[in-house]
C-alpha atoms as a PDB file:
ATOM      1  CA  MET A   1      13.536  98.906 102.602  1.00  0.00           C
ATOM      2  CA  LEU A   2      12.079 102.639 103.718  1.00  0.00           C
ATOM      3  CA  TYR A   3      15.461 103.617 105.467  1.00  0.00           C
ATOM      4  CA  LYS A   4      17.246 102.395 102.250  1.00  0.00           C
ATOM      5  CA  LEU A   5      14.980 104.723  99.896  1.00  0.00           C
ATOM      6  CA  ILE A   6      15.326 107.440 101.971  1.00  0.00           C
ATOM      7  CA  LEU A   7      18.918 107.443 101.799  1.00  0.00           C
ATOM      8  CA  LEU A   8      19.170 106.641  98.428  1.00  0.00           C
ATOM      9  CA  GLN A   9      17.074 109.891  97.568  1.00  0.00           C
ATOM     10  CA  LEU A  10      19.350 111.923 100.026  1.00  0.00           C
ATOM     11  CA  THR A  11      22.258 110.899  98.063  1.00  0.00           C
ATOM     12  CA  ALA A  12      20.419 111.546  94.791  1.00  0.00           C
ATOM     13  CA  HIS A  13      19.695 114.898  96.443  1.00  0.00           C
ATOM     14  CA  LEU A  14      23.510 115.551  97.219  1.00  0.00           C
ATOM     15  CA  PHE A  15      24.332 114.921  93.330  1.00  0.00           C
ATOM     16  CA  ALA A  16      21.504 117.031  92.168  1.00  0.00           C
ATOM     17  CA  ASP A  17      21.688 120.280  94.489  1.00  0.00           C
ATOM     18  CA  PHE A  18      25.493 120.150  94.902  1.00  0.00           C
ATOM     19  CA  ILE A  19      27.600 118.387  92.489  1.00  0.00           C
ATOM     20  CA  PHE A  20      25.694 118.653  89.242  1.00  0.00           C
ATOM     21  CA  GLN A  21      24.333 122.275  90.066  1.00  0.00           C
ATOM     22  CA  SER A  22      26.837 124.820  89.219  1.00  0.00           C
ATOM     23  CA  GLN A  23      27.639 128.135  90.977  1.00  0.00           C
ATOM     24  CA  GLU A  24      26.468 129.995  87.844  1.00  0.00           C
ATOM     25  CA  TRP A  25      22.971 128.220  87.957  1.00  0.00           C
ATOM     26  CA  SER A  26      22.835 128.815  91.753  1.00  0.00           C
ATOM     27  CA  ASP A  27      23.582 132.724  90.863  1.00  0.00           C
ATOM     28  CA  LYS A  28      21.299 132.842  88.003  1.00  0.00           C
ATOM     29  CA  LYS A  29      18.459 131.510  90.152  1.00  0.00           C
ATOM     30  CA  GLY A  30      18.806 134.460  92.738  1.00  0.00           C
ATOM     31  CA  GLU A  31      18.414 137.039  90.020  1.00  0.00           C
ATOM     32  CA  GLN A  32      14.841 136.162  89.134  1.00  0.00           C
ATOM     33  CA  ILE A  33      11.751 134.342  90.698  1.00  0.00           C
ATOM     34  CA  LEU A  34      11.723 132.014  87.777  1.00  0.00           C
ATOM     35  CA  THR A  35      14.671 131.211  85.208  1.00  0.00           C
ATOM     36  CA  LYS A  36      15.569 128.722  82.539  1.00  0.00           C
ATOM     37  CA  TYR A  37      18.213 127.450  85.211  1.00  0.00           C
ATOM     38  CA  HIS A  38      15.073 126.507  87.653  1.00  0.00           C
ATOM     39  CA  ILE A  39      13.741 124.342  84.826  1.00  0.00           C
ATOM     40  CA  TYR A  40      17.202 122.992  84.152  1.00  0.00           C
ATOM     41  CA  HIS A  41      17.982 122.245  87.572  1.00  0.00           C
ATOM     42  CA  VAL A  42      14.677 120.559  88.548  1.00  0.00           C
ATOM     43  CA  LEU A  43      14.920 118.191  85.778  1.00  0.00           C
ATOM     44  CA  VAL A  44      18.306 117.055  87.149  1.00  0.00           C
ATOM     45  CA  VAL A  45      16.600 116.676  89.987  1.00  0.00           C
ATOM     46  CA  PHE A  46      13.890 114.138  88.593  1.00  0.00           C
ATOM     47  CA  VAL A  47      16.671 112.417  86.687  1.00  0.00           C
ATOM     48  CA  PHE A  48      18.957 111.671  89.788  1.00  0.00           C
ATOM     49  CA  SER A  49      16.105 111.040  92.187  1.00  0.00           C
ATOM     50  CA  TYR A  50      14.502 108.268  89.636  1.00  0.00           C
ATOM     51  CA  LEU A  51      17.884 106.572  88.972  1.00  0.00           C
ATOM     52  CA  PHE A  52      18.721 106.364  92.541  1.00  0.00           C
ATOM     53  CA  SER A  53      15.298 104.953  93.673  1.00  0.00           C
ATOM     54  CA  LEU A  54      16.575 101.687  92.241  1.00  0.00           C
ATOM     55  CA  ASP A  55      12.635 101.248  91.792  1.00  0.00           C
ATOM     56  CA  LEU A  56      10.965 101.194  88.198  1.00  0.00           C
ATOM     57  CA  ASN A  57       7.548 102.656  89.823  1.00  0.00           C
ATOM     58  CA  PHE A  58       9.375 105.501  91.760  1.00  0.00           C
ATOM     59  CA  TRP A  59       8.753 107.718  88.556  1.00  0.00           C
ATOM     60  CA  TRP A  60       5.715 109.319  89.814  1.00  0.00           C
ATOM     61  CA  ALA A  61       7.223 110.240  93.228  1.00  0.00           C
ATOM     62  CA  SER A  62      10.291 111.382  91.565  1.00  0.00           C
ATOM     63  CA  LEU A  63       8.272 113.710  89.446  1.00  0.00           C
ATOM     64  CA  LEU A  64       6.368 114.793  92.627  1.00  0.00           C
ATOM     65  CA  LEU A  65       9.717 115.400  94.453  1.00  0.00           C
ATOM     66  CA  SER A  66      10.795 117.451  91.626  1.00  0.00           C
ATOM     67  CA  VAL A  67       7.615 119.529  91.446  1.00  0.00           C
ATOM     68  CA  PHE A  68       8.049 120.588  95.277  1.00  0.00           C
ATOM     69  CA  HIS A  69      11.743 121.026  94.698  1.00  0.00           C
ATOM     70  CA  LEU A  70      10.750 123.597  92.057  1.00  0.00           C
ATOM     71  CA  ILE A  71       8.454 125.281  94.236  1.00  0.00           C
ATOM     72  CA  THR A  72      10.647 125.452  97.050  1.00  0.00           C
ATOM     73  CA  ASP A  73      13.510 127.011  94.798  1.00  0.00           C
ATOM     74  CA  ILE A  74      11.288 129.512  93.424  1.00  0.00           C
ATOM     75  CA  PHE A  75      10.259 130.674  96.821  1.00  0.00           C
ATOM     76  CA  LYS A  76      13.934 131.051  97.853  1.00  0.00           C
ATOM     77  CA  SER A  77      14.474 133.077  94.769  1.00  0.00           C
ATOM     78  CA  TYR A  78      11.553 135.384  95.867  1.00  0.00           C
ATOM     79  CA  MET A  79      12.881 135.839  99.406  1.00  0.00           C
ATOM     80  CA  GLN A  80      16.528 136.519  98.105  1.00  0.00           C
ATOM     81  CA  LEU A  81      15.126 139.110  95.896  1.00  0.00           C
ATOM     82  CA  LYS A  82      13.033 140.445  98.774  1.00  0.00           C
ATOM     83  CA  HIS A  83      15.676 140.314 101.559  1.00  0.00           C
ATOM     84  CA  PRO A  84      18.948 139.778  99.456  1.00  0.00           C
ATOM     85  CA  ASN A  85      21.180 140.388 102.763  1.00  0.00           C
ATOM     86  CA  LYS A  86      19.663 137.290 104.291  1.00  0.00           C
ATOM     87  CA  ASN A  87      20.892 133.793 103.892  1.00  0.00           C
ATOM     88  CA  TYR A  88      18.369 131.068 103.397  1.00  0.00           C
ATOM     89  CA  PHE A  89      20.825 128.045 102.534  1.00  0.00           C
ATOM     90  CA  PHE A  90      19.853 126.145 105.802  1.00  0.00           C
ATOM     91  CA  SER A  91      15.965 126.972 105.587  1.00  0.00           C
ATOM     92  CA  ASP A  92      15.896 126.003 101.783  1.00  0.00           C
ATOM     93  CA  GLN A  93      17.814 122.515 102.487  1.00  0.00           C
ATOM     94  CA  ILE A  94      15.508 121.612 105.474  1.00  0.00           C
ATOM     95  CA  ILE A  95      12.517 122.145 103.447  1.00  0.00           C
ATOM     96  CA  HIS A  96      14.004 120.093 100.639  1.00  0.00           C
ATOM     97  CA  LEU A  97      14.831 117.397 102.783  1.00  0.00           C
ATOM     98  CA  LEU A  98      11.502 117.353 104.713  1.00  0.00           C
ATOM     99  CA  PHE A  99       9.494 116.818 101.292  1.00  0.00           C
ATOM    100  CA  LEU A 100      12.050 114.119 100.238  1.00  0.00           C
ATOM    101  CA  SER A 101      11.391 112.164 103.566  1.00  0.00           C
ATOM    102  CA  VAL A 102       7.943 112.724 103.248  1.00  0.00           C
ATOM    103  CA  ILE A 103       7.440 111.726  99.772  1.00  0.00           C
ATOM    104  CA  THR A 104       9.272 108.693 100.079  1.00  0.00           C
ATOM    105  CA  ILE A 105       7.004 107.514 103.121  1.00  0.00           C
ATOM    106  CA  VAL A 106       4.025 108.090 101.282  1.00  0.00           C
ATOM    107  CA  TYR A 107       5.258 106.079  98.043  1.00  0.00           C
ATOM    108  CA  ASN A 108       6.098 103.175 100.582  1.00  0.00           C
ATOM    109  CA  HIS A 109       2.609 103.742 101.996  1.00  0.00           C
ATOM    110  CA  PHE A 110       0.880 103.175  98.993  1.00  0.00           C
ATOM    111  CA  HIS A 111       3.443 101.239  96.709  1.00  0.00           C
ATOM    112  CA  SER A 112       5.994  98.112  98.122  1.00  0.00           C
ATOM    113  CA  ILE A 113       9.448  99.001  97.146  1.00  0.00           C
ATOM    114  CA  ASN A 114      10.966  97.070  94.898  1.00  0.00           C
ATOM    115  CA  PHE A 115      14.497  97.623  94.026  1.00  0.00           C
ATOM    116  CA  LEU A 116      15.959  96.368  90.774  1.00  0.00           C
ATOM    117  CA  PHE A 117      18.924  94.986  93.051  1.00  0.00           C
ATOM    118  CA  ASP A 118      19.324  94.970  96.671  1.00  0.00           C
ATOM    119  CA  ILE A 119      22.138  96.942  98.388  1.00  0.00           C
ATOM    120  CA  GLU A 120      23.106  96.870 102.025  1.00  0.00           C
ATOM    121  CA  LEU A 121      21.898  99.836 103.970  1.00  0.00           C
ATOM    122  CA  LYS A 122      25.599 100.399 105.284  1.00  0.00           C
ATOM    123  CA  THR A 123      27.172 100.323 101.985  1.00  0.00           C
ATOM    124  CA  ILE A 124      24.502 102.905 100.918  1.00  0.00           C
ATOM    125  CA  ALA A 125      25.513 104.996 103.859  1.00  0.00           C
ATOM    126  CA  VAL A 126      29.247 104.767 103.251  1.00  0.00           C
ATOM    127  CA  PHE A 127      28.794 105.596  99.552  1.00  0.00           C
ATOM    128  CA  ALA A 128      26.373 108.787 100.713  1.00  0.00           C
ATOM    129  CA  ALA A 129      29.279 109.773 103.381  1.00  0.00           C
ATOM    130  CA  PHE A 130      31.710 110.121 100.725  1.00  0.00           C
ATOM    131  CA  VAL A 131      29.835 112.121  98.150  1.00  0.00           C
ATOM    132  CA  PHE A 132      28.719 114.571 101.376  1.00  0.00           C
ATOM    133  CA  CYS A 133      32.706 114.801 102.090  1.00  0.00           C
ATOM    134  CA  THR A 134      33.259 116.350  98.785  1.00  0.00           C
ATOM    135  CA  LYS A 135      31.471 119.723  97.297  1.00  0.00           C
ATOM    136  CA  PRO A 136      28.618 119.557  99.428  1.00  0.00           C
ATOM    137  CA  SER A 137      30.689 119.851 102.434  1.00  0.00           C
ATOM    138  CA  ASN A 138      32.674 122.565 100.947  1.00  0.00           C
ATOM    139  CA  ILE A 139      29.264 124.417 100.778  1.00  0.00           C
ATOM    140  CA  LEU A 140      28.190 123.616 104.309  1.00  0.00           C
ATOM    141  CA  VAL A 141      31.331 124.885 105.716  1.00  0.00           C
ATOM    142  CA  LYS A 142      30.798 128.109 103.502  1.00  0.00           C
ATOM    143  CA  TYR A 143      27.574 129.001 104.744  1.00  0.00           C
ATOM    144  CA  ILE A 144      28.365 128.176 108.450  1.00  0.00           C
ATOM    145  CA  PHE A 145      31.167 130.654 107.935  1.00  0.00           C
ATOM    146  CA  ILE A 146      28.624 133.186 106.444  1.00  0.00           C
ATOM    147  CA  ALA A 147      26.300 132.366 109.481  1.00  0.00           C
ATOM    148  CA  PHE A 148      28.721 133.361 112.030  1.00  0.00           C
ATOM    149  CA  SER A 149      29.935 136.174 110.183  1.00  0.00           C
ATOM    150  CA  ILE A 150      33.540 134.811 109.614  1.00  0.00           C
ATOM    151  CA  ASN A 151      35.103 136.437 106.394  1.00  0.00           C
ATOM    152  CA  SER A 152      38.565 135.191 104.909  1.00  0.00           C
ATOM    153  CA  PRO A 153      41.368 137.052 105.977  1.00  0.00           C
ATOM    154  CA  LEU A 154      41.876 138.315 102.240  1.00  0.00           C
ATOM    155  CA  GLU A 155      38.325 139.741 102.432  1.00  0.00           C
ATOM    156  CA  LYS A 156      39.470 142.991 103.941  1.00  0.00           C
ATOM    157  CA  PRO A 157      38.978 146.789 102.565  1.00  0.00           C
ATOM    158  CA  LEU A 158      41.777 147.405 100.306  1.00  0.00           C
ATOM    159  CA  THR A 159      43.518 150.472 101.636  1.00  0.00           C
ATOM    160  CA  GLU A 160      47.151 152.024 100.754  1.00  0.00           C
ATOM    161  CA  ASN A 161      48.481 149.681 103.573  1.00  0.00           C
ATOM    162  CA  ASN A 162      46.918 146.251 102.901  1.00  0.00           C
ATOM    163  CA  ILE A 163      46.751 146.300  99.190  1.00  0.00           C
ATOM    164  CA  GLU A 164      50.321 145.334  98.409  1.00  0.00           C
ATOM    165  CA  ALA A 165      50.179 142.641 101.106  1.00  0.00           C
ATOM    166  CA  THR A 166      46.713 141.533  99.785  1.00  0.00           C
ATOM    167  CA  LYS A 167      48.512 140.968  96.221  1.00  0.00           C
ATOM    168  CA  VAL A 168      51.433 138.984  97.714  1.00  0.00           C
ATOM    169  CA  SER A 169      48.826 136.857  99.318  1.00  0.00           C
ATOM    170  CA  LYS A 170      46.854 136.175  96.599  1.00  0.00           C
ATOM    171  CA  GLU A 171      50.067 135.604  94.264  1.00  0.00           C
ATOM    172  CA  LYS A 172      51.360 132.831  96.855  1.00  0.00           C
ATOM    173  CA  SER A 173      47.671 131.174  97.159  1.00  0.00           C
ATOM    174  CA  LEU A 174      46.713 128.407  94.649  1.00  0.00           C
ATOM    175  CA  PRO A 175      42.982 128.918  93.288  1.00  0.00           C
ATOM    176  CA  ASN A 176      40.470 126.496  94.949  1.00  0.00           C
ATOM    177  CA  ALA A 177      43.436 125.052  96.711  1.00  0.00           C
ATOM    178  CA  GLY A 178      41.618 125.441 100.131  1.00  0.00           C
ATOM    179  CA  LYS A 179      38.483 123.535  98.758  1.00  0.00           C
ATOM    180  CA  LEU A 180      40.676 120.358  97.489  1.00  0.00           C
ATOM    181  CA  ILE A 181      42.510 120.002 100.611  1.00  0.00           C
ATOM    182  CA  GLY A 182      39.321 120.105 102.641  1.00  0.00           C
ATOM    183  CA  ILE A 183      37.926 117.411 100.439  1.00  0.00           C
ATOM    184  CA  VAL A 184      41.041 115.220 100.742  1.00  0.00           C
ATOM    185  CA  GLU A 185      41.468 115.712 104.874  1.00  0.00           C
ATOM    186  CA  ARG A 186      37.569 114.858 104.978  1.00  0.00           C
ATOM    187  CA  LEU A 187      38.012 111.571 102.495  1.00  0.00           C
ATOM    188  CA  LEU A 188      41.096 110.699 104.397  1.00  0.00           C
ATOM    189  CA  ALA A 189      39.597 111.008 107.926  1.00  0.00           C
ATOM    190  CA  LEU A 190      36.243 109.330 107.073  1.00  0.00           C
ATOM    191  CA  ALA A 191      38.254 106.484 105.421  1.00  0.00           C
ATOM    192  CA  LEU A 192      40.357 105.932 108.651  1.00  0.00           C
ATOM    193  CA  ILE A 193      37.545 106.358 110.815  1.00  0.00           C
ATOM    194  CA  LEU A 194      35.443 103.878 108.768  1.00  0.00           C
ATOM    195  CA  SER A 195      38.461 101.269 109.357  1.00  0.00           C
ATOM    196  CA  GLY A 196      38.841 102.218 112.751  1.00  0.00           C
ATOM    197  CA  GLN A 197      41.960 103.829 112.865  1.00  0.00           C
ATOM    198  CA  TYR A 198      41.226 106.686 114.926  1.00  0.00           C
ATOM    199  CA  GLY A 199      44.901 107.543 116.052  1.00  0.00           C
ATOM    200  CA  ALA A 200      45.582 107.905 112.300  1.00  0.00           C
ATOM    201  CA  VAL A 201      43.295 110.801 112.383  1.00  0.00           C
ATOM    202  CA  GLY A 202      44.930 112.597 114.899  1.00  0.00           C
ATOM    203  CA  LEU A 203      48.347 112.409 113.325  1.00  0.00           C
ATOM    204  CA  ILE A 204      46.596 114.191 110.041  1.00  0.00           C
ATOM    205  CA  ILE A 205      45.416 117.036 112.278  1.00  0.00           C
ATOM    206  CA  ALA A 206      48.814 117.176 114.055  1.00  0.00           C
ATOM    207  CA  ALA A 207      50.341 117.226 110.783  1.00  0.00           C
ATOM    208  CA  LYS A 208      48.373 120.197 109.609  1.00  0.00           C
ATOM    209  CA  SER A 209      48.766 121.876 112.909  1.00  0.00           C
ATOM    210  CA  ILE A 210      52.446 122.265 111.837  1.00  0.00           C
ATOM    211  CA  LEU A 211      51.196 125.148 109.535  1.00  0.00           C
ATOM    212  CA  ARG A 212      52.329 128.455 111.045  1.00  0.00           C
ATOM    213  CA  PHE A 213      50.688 132.024 110.105  1.00  0.00           C
ATOM    214  CA  ASN A 214      51.857 135.508 111.086  1.00  0.00           C
ATOM    215  CA  ASP A 215      48.359 136.500 110.471  1.00  0.00           C
ATOM    216  CA  THR A 216      46.300 135.617 113.990  1.00  0.00           C
ATOM    217  CA  GLN A 217      43.216 136.041 111.571  1.00  0.00           C
ATOM    218  CA  LYS A 218      44.127 133.792 109.143  1.00  0.00           C
ATOM    219  CA  ALA A 219      45.301 131.037 111.697  1.00  0.00           C
ATOM    220  CA  GLU A 220      42.017 131.148 113.206  1.00  0.00           C
ATOM    221  CA  TYR A 221      40.293 131.031 110.039  1.00  0.00           C
ATOM    222  CA  VAL A 222      42.319 127.809 108.810  1.00  0.00           C
ATOM    223  CA  LEU A 223      41.836 126.441 112.412  1.00  0.00           C
ATOM    224  CA  VAL A 224      37.788 126.805 112.331  1.00  0.00           C
ATOM    225  CA  GLY A 225      37.912 125.427 108.891  1.00  0.00           C
ATOM    226  CA  THR A 226      39.966 122.435 109.948  1.00  0.00           C
ATOM    227  CA  LEU A 227      37.720 121.824 112.925  1.00  0.00           C
ATOM    228  CA  LEU A 228      34.564 121.632 111.002  1.00  0.00           C
ATOM    229  CA  SER A 229      35.992 119.717 107.887  1.00  0.00           C
ATOM    230  CA  PHE A 230      37.199 116.829 110.312  1.00  0.00           C
ATOM    231  CA  GLY A 231      34.029 117.261 112.617  1.00  0.00           C
ATOM    232  CA  ILE A 232      31.741 116.428 109.636  1.00  0.00           C
ATOM    233  CA  ALA A 233      33.849 113.437 108.764  1.00  0.00           C
ATOM    234  CA  ALA A 234      34.297 112.196 112.502  1.00  0.00           C
ATOM    235  CA  PHE A 235      30.358 112.636 112.727  1.00  0.00           C
ATOM    236  CA  LEU A 236      29.505 110.718 109.488  1.00  0.00           C
ATOM    237  CA  GLY A 237      32.075 107.762 110.092  1.00  0.00           C
ATOM    238  CA  ILE A 238      31.054 107.116 113.776  1.00  0.00           C
ATOM    239  CA  SER A 239      27.506 107.425 112.758  1.00  0.00           C
ATOM    240  CA  ILE A 240      28.342 104.766 110.136  1.00  0.00           C
ATOM    241  CA  ASN A 241      30.087 102.591 112.623  1.00  0.00           C
ATOM    242  CA  LEU A 242      27.037 102.468 114.666  1.00  0.00           C
ATOM    243  CA  LEU A 243      24.675 100.770 112.278  1.00  0.00           C
END
């Protein structure tokens, strides 16, 4: 029961902190220590935490979790204002997950978990994995790139020599196409791994490798993104199959 509740709360966190938090909210929260967007976001956190608990008595734990989530976000905003060039994504997420786990364990200690309806642990894990393979994974890959100082080939200083080439590259690119491709390939890879079709995953990787780029930096950029994307799906799928 405890593992199910923790996994349900993790899924709620994915929805609240990634899928239902827009980039605008995230940016506005970084401009001041406390804004109305902090309040909007913590309300979303509470709603998803309580809904995904499937336990009517979990409201006080959801409230406590939301308070700690708000405190963490405020502290993150303070640190971003003080050190704007540093990346606090990973430390912020670790703290959120730590509070999430501790509060759920404390709830289980003082109250018996009573789900409105029971769901198998593996079913919850599969659902959480598919959710994680969407927008949350895009954001994770983005911050991994930032952590290793890997910039997009288009993010070069504009000079007379490359400004025209940059315009042509942007014209040939579809807005957010890379994000959508990443989501689709992760979902396909995860579905295939869960069904035991490991060979088919290799075919997808081989098909993508057909792409050729004249720019070596762009080829390396796409390769790193592809490996990270399939690595996430493979890790999730294999872990679930071991349950």
